[in-house]
Amino acid sequence: MTKLRVKDVMTTPMLTLEAETSITEAADAMRKATIKSVVVVGEGCRPAGIFTSTDALSVIADNIPADETAVQEYMTTGVETVSPDVALTAAAEQMHDGGYSHLPVTDADDDGVGILTKTDLAEAVSDPTTDTSVTTVNEW
């Protein structure tokens, strides 16, 4: 595990949408892809925000018409990203410290190239072919 990099376990391609996309469209795309987040991109596929299933629940709780509301109204902005070459343990620590379940992966131009999720981390830890010298999240 200590030798793994983000690029070894990240999900590609990541699902992306524009900020003007309706919440209904975003939720439908997430449901069809069986994922819990979508990266909202701006110019050059740069992450501008992230819209998650938790955000969709907020829309429902607020009794907002999802088909008339854009994801930009509920997405998280100021999204932290990670490089594909970062050690997986460092990325896991970044996710833990920030309380993130999803971390967009960007290249040297800050364009999105994938996403690292808690599911990706769990699969890496549980994979018998992975170097498991780090076995608990507390050690990350």
C-alpha atoms as a PDB file:
ATOM      1  CA  MET A   1       0.000   0.000   0.000  1.00  0.00           C
ATOM      2  CA  THR A   2       2.799   2.410   0.780  1.00  0.00           C
ATOM      3  CA  LYS A   3       4.068   2.203  -2.804  1.00  0.00           C
ATOM      4  CA  LEU A   4       0.699   2.804  -4.419  1.00  0.00           C
ATOM      5  CA  ARG A   5      -0.056   6.129  -6.060  1.00  0.00           C
ATOM      6  CA  VAL A   6      -3.439   7.740  -6.608  1.00  0.00           C
ATOM      7  CA  LYS A   7      -3.256   6.854 -10.307  1.00  0.00           C
ATOM      8  CA  ASP A   8      -3.080   3.167  -9.391  1.00  0.00           C
ATOM      9  CA  VAL A   9      -6.534   3.090  -7.796  1.00  0.00           C
ATOM     10  CA  MET A  10      -8.482   6.191  -8.925  1.00  0.00           C
ATOM     11  CA  THR A  11     -11.684   5.845 -10.914  1.00  0.00           C
ATOM     12  CA  THR A  12     -11.486   6.911 -14.535  1.00  0.00           C
ATOM     13  CA  PRO A  13     -13.197   8.393 -16.283  1.00  0.00           C
ATOM     14  CA  MET A  14     -14.966  10.538 -13.733  1.00  0.00           C
ATOM     15  CA  LEU A  15     -18.490  11.701 -14.388  1.00  0.00           C
ATOM     16  CA  THR A  16     -18.533  15.434 -15.086  1.00  0.00           C
ATOM     17  CA  LEU A  17     -21.275  17.974 -15.658  1.00  0.00           C
ATOM     18  CA  GLU A  18     -21.492  21.717 -16.157  1.00  0.00           C
ATOM     19  CA  ALA A  19     -22.679  23.985 -13.334  1.00  0.00           C
ATOM     20  CA  GLU A  20     -25.889  24.845 -15.218  1.00  0.00           C
ATOM     21  CA  THR A  21     -27.015  21.208 -15.353  1.00  0.00           C
ATOM     22  CA  SER A  22     -30.267  20.616 -13.509  1.00  0.00           C
ATOM     23  CA  ILE A  23     -30.210  18.661 -10.295  1.00  0.00           C
ATOM     24  CA  THR A  24     -32.640  16.183 -11.847  1.00  0.00           C
ATOM     25  CA  GLU A  25     -30.201  15.509 -14.709  1.00  0.00           C
ATOM     26  CA  ALA A  26     -27.267  15.201 -12.304  1.00  0.00           C
ATOM     27  CA  ALA A  27     -29.132  12.801 -10.021  1.00  0.00           C
ATOM     28  CA  ASP A  28     -30.257  10.702 -12.987  1.00  0.00           C
ATOM     29  CA  ALA A  29     -26.690  10.517 -14.350  1.00  0.00           C
ATOM     30  CA  MET A  30     -25.375   9.468 -10.924  1.00  0.00           C
ATOM     31  CA  ARG A  31     -28.092   6.825 -10.565  1.00  0.00           C
ATOM     32  CA  LYS A  32     -27.398   5.376 -14.027  1.00  0.00           C
ATOM     33  CA  ALA A  33     -23.647   5.258 -13.332  1.00  0.00           C
ATOM     34  CA  THR A  34     -24.266   3.868  -9.813  1.00  0.00           C
ATOM     35  CA  ILE A  35     -22.020   6.503  -8.236  1.00  0.00           C
ATOM     36  CA  LYS A  36     -22.460   8.997  -5.415  1.00  0.00           C
ATOM     37  CA  SER A  37     -20.868  12.129  -6.849  1.00  0.00           C
ATOM     38  CA  VAL A  38     -20.326  14.116 -10.002  1.00  0.00           C
ATOM     39  CA  VAL A  39     -17.534  16.608 -10.589  1.00  0.00           C
ATOM     40  CA  VAL A  40     -18.800  19.958 -11.824  1.00  0.00           C
ATOM     41  CA  VAL A  41     -16.305  21.328 -14.321  1.00  0.00           C
ATOM     42  CA  GLY A  42     -15.565  24.703 -15.771  1.00  0.00           C
ATOM     43  CA  GLU A  43     -13.141  25.763 -18.463  1.00  0.00           C
ATOM     44  CA  GLY A  44     -10.737  23.067 -19.624  1.00  0.00           C
ATOM     45  CA  CYS A  45     -12.323  20.328 -17.498  1.00  0.00           C
ATOM     46  CA  ARG A  46     -11.128  22.061 -14.332  1.00  0.00           C
ATOM     47  CA  PRO A  47     -13.108  21.018 -11.246  1.00  0.00           C
ATOM     48  CA  ALA A  48     -15.264  23.935 -10.116  1.00  0.00           C
ATOM     49  CA  GLY A  49     -17.265  21.964  -7.596  1.00  0.00           C
ATOM     50  CA  ILE A  50     -18.613  18.589  -6.616  1.00  0.00           C
ATOM     51  CA  PHE A  51     -22.248  17.536  -6.349  1.00  0.00           C
ATOM     52  CA  THR A  52     -22.921  14.503  -4.164  1.00  0.00           C
ATOM     53  CA  SER A  53     -25.816  12.320  -3.166  1.00  0.00           C
ATOM     54  CA  THR A  54     -25.822  14.207   0.149  1.00  0.00           C
ATOM     55  CA  ASP A  55     -26.355  17.447  -1.783  1.00  0.00           C
ATOM     56  CA  ALA A  56     -29.276  15.819  -3.594  1.00  0.00           C
ATOM     57  CA  LEU A  57     -30.826  14.963  -0.225  1.00  0.00           C
ATOM     58  CA  SER A  58     -30.525  18.620   0.769  1.00  0.00           C
ATOM     59  CA  VAL A  59     -32.508  19.585  -2.331  1.00  0.00           C
ATOM     60  CA  ILE A  60     -35.261  17.175  -1.321  1.00  0.00           C
ATOM     61  CA  ALA A  61     -35.235  18.391   2.289  1.00  0.00           C
ATOM     62  CA  ASP A  62     -35.437  22.004   1.125  1.00  0.00           C
ATOM     63  CA  ASN A  63     -38.424  21.090  -1.080  1.00  0.00           C
ATOM     64  CA  ILE A  64     -36.733  22.695  -4.102  1.00  0.00           C
ATOM     65  CA  PRO A  65     -37.896  21.853  -7.670  1.00  0.00           C
ATOM     66  CA  ALA A  66     -34.908  19.777  -8.804  1.00  0.00           C
ATOM     67  CA  ASP A  67     -35.753  20.059 -12.493  1.00  0.00           C
ATOM     68  CA  GLU A  68     -35.643  23.869 -12.256  1.00  0.00           C
ATOM     69  CA  THR A  69     -32.523  24.190 -10.090  1.00  0.00           C
ATOM     70  CA  ALA A  70     -28.918  23.968 -11.293  1.00  0.00           C
ATOM     71  CA  VAL A  71     -26.281  21.917  -9.479  1.00  0.00           C
ATOM     72  CA  GLN A  72     -24.301  25.115  -8.905  1.00  0.00           C
ATOM     73  CA  GLU A  73     -26.900  26.076  -6.286  1.00  0.00           C
ATOM     74  CA  TYR A  74     -26.048  23.043  -4.107  1.00  0.00           C
ATOM     75  CA  MET A  75     -22.586  21.875  -5.131  1.00  0.00           C
ATOM     76  CA  THR A  76     -19.571  22.189  -2.869  1.00  0.00           C
ATOM     77  CA  THR A  77     -17.108  24.753  -4.199  1.00  0.00           C
ATOM     78  CA  GLY A  78     -13.476  25.293  -3.321  1.00  0.00           C
ATOM     79  CA  VAL A  79     -12.919  21.607  -3.989  1.00  0.00           C
ATOM     80  CA  GLU A  80      -9.558  20.188  -3.011  1.00  0.00           C
ATOM     81  CA  THR A  81      -7.855  18.053  -5.628  1.00  0.00           C
ATOM     82  CA  VAL A  82      -4.934  15.672  -5.707  1.00  0.00           C
ATOM     83  CA  SER A  83      -2.281  14.766  -8.287  1.00  0.00           C
ATOM     84  CA  PRO A  84      -2.290  11.264  -9.758  1.00  0.00           C
ATOM     85  CA  ASP A  85       1.333  10.849  -8.630  1.00  0.00           C
ATOM     86  CA  VAL A  86       0.680  11.478  -4.929  1.00  0.00           C
ATOM     87  CA  ALA A  87       1.184   8.523  -2.603  1.00  0.00           C
ATOM     88  CA  LEU A  88      -2.120   6.839  -1.857  1.00  0.00           C
ATOM     89  CA  THR A  89      -1.477   7.087   1.879  1.00  0.00           C
ATOM     90  CA  ALA A  90      -1.066  10.882   1.592  1.00  0.00           C
ATOM     91  CA  ALA A  91      -4.289  11.176  -0.417  1.00  0.00           C
ATOM     92  CA  ALA A  92      -6.134   9.027   2.136  1.00  0.00           C
ATOM     93  CA  GLU A  93      -4.871  11.306   4.898  1.00  0.00           C
ATOM     94  CA  GLN A  94      -6.023  14.364   2.919  1.00  0.00           C
ATOM     95  CA  MET A  95      -9.473  12.824   2.542  1.00  0.00           C
ATOM     96  CA  HIS A  96      -9.646  11.877   6.206  1.00  0.00           C
ATOM     97  CA  ASP A  97      -8.464  15.266   7.472  1.00  0.00           C
ATOM     98  CA  GLY A  98     -10.875  17.137   5.197  1.00  0.00           C
ATOM     99  CA  GLY A  99     -13.797  14.795   5.801  1.00  0.00           C
ATOM    100  CA  TYR A 100     -14.048  14.044   2.070  1.00  0.00           C
ATOM    101  CA  SER A 101     -15.551  10.958   0.478  1.00  0.00           C
ATOM    102  CA  HIS A 102     -14.553  12.050  -3.040  1.00  0.00           C
ATOM    103  CA  LEU A 103     -11.363  13.743  -4.204  1.00  0.00           C
ATOM    104  CA  PRO A 104     -11.013  14.860  -7.844  1.00  0.00           C
ATOM    105  CA  VAL A 105      -7.674  13.995  -9.433  1.00  0.00           C
ATOM    106  CA  THR A 106      -6.109  16.662 -11.634  1.00  0.00           C
ATOM    107  CA  ASP A 107      -3.119  16.798 -13.959  1.00  0.00           C
ATOM    108  CA  ALA A 108      -0.406  19.481 -14.123  1.00  0.00           C
ATOM    109  CA  ASP A 109      -2.837  21.804 -15.966  1.00  0.00           C
ATOM    110  CA  ASP A 110      -5.472  21.370 -13.210  1.00  0.00           C
ATOM    111  CA  ASP A 111      -7.737  19.445 -15.599  1.00  0.00           C
ATOM    112  CA  GLY A 112      -9.714  16.573 -14.106  1.00  0.00           C
ATOM    113  CA  VAL A 113      -8.386  13.128 -14.996  1.00  0.00           C
ATOM    114  CA  GLY A 114     -10.221  10.960 -12.473  1.00  0.00           C
ATOM    115  CA  ILE A 115     -11.617  10.758  -8.983  1.00  0.00           C
ATOM    116  CA  LEU A 116     -10.469   9.033  -5.825  1.00  0.00           C
ATOM    117  CA  THR A 117     -13.261   7.772  -3.588  1.00  0.00           C
ATOM    118  CA  LYS A 118     -13.520   6.002  -0.264  1.00  0.00           C
ATOM    119  CA  THR A 119     -14.633   2.968  -2.244  1.00  0.00           C
ATOM    120  CA  ASP A 120     -11.381   3.086  -4.246  1.00  0.00           C
ATOM    121  CA  LEU A 121      -9.418   3.186  -0.980  1.00  0.00           C
ATOM    122  CA  ALA A 122     -11.374   0.289   0.494  1.00  0.00           C
ATOM    123  CA  GLU A 123     -10.829  -1.805  -2.617  1.00  0.00           C
ATOM    124  CA  ALA A 124      -7.086  -1.074  -2.561  1.00  0.00           C
ATOM    125  CA  VAL A 125      -6.817  -2.127   1.080  1.00  0.00           C
ATOM    126  CA  SER A 126      -8.877  -5.300   0.571  1.00  0.00           C
ATOM    127  CA  ASP A 127      -7.108  -6.366  -2.651  1.00  0.00           C
ATOM    128  CA  PRO A 128      -4.917  -9.394  -1.829  1.00  0.00           C
ATOM    129  CA  THR A 129      -2.419  -8.385  -4.541  1.00  0.00           C
ATOM    130  CA  THR A 130      -1.803  -5.013  -2.873  1.00  0.00           C
ATOM    131  CA  ASP A 131       1.196  -4.457  -0.629  1.00  0.00           C
ATOM    132  CA  THR A 132      -0.680  -4.354   2.675  1.00  0.00           C
ATOM    133  CA  SER A 133       2.113  -3.147   4.913  1.00  0.00           C
ATOM    134  CA  VAL A 134      -0.308  -0.389   5.905  1.00  0.00           C
ATOM    135  CA  THR A 135      -3.413  -2.150   7.144  1.00  0.00           C
ATOM    136  CA  THR A 136      -5.425   0.353   9.124  1.00  0.00           C
ATOM    137  CA  VAL A 137      -6.742   3.793   8.387  1.00  0.00           C
ATOM    138  CA  ASN A 138      -5.214   5.002  11.662  1.00  0.00           C
ATOM    139  CA  GLU A 139      -1.764   4.353  10.224  1.00  0.00           C
ATOM    140  CA  TRP A 140      -2.528   6.513   7.174  1.00  0.00           C
END
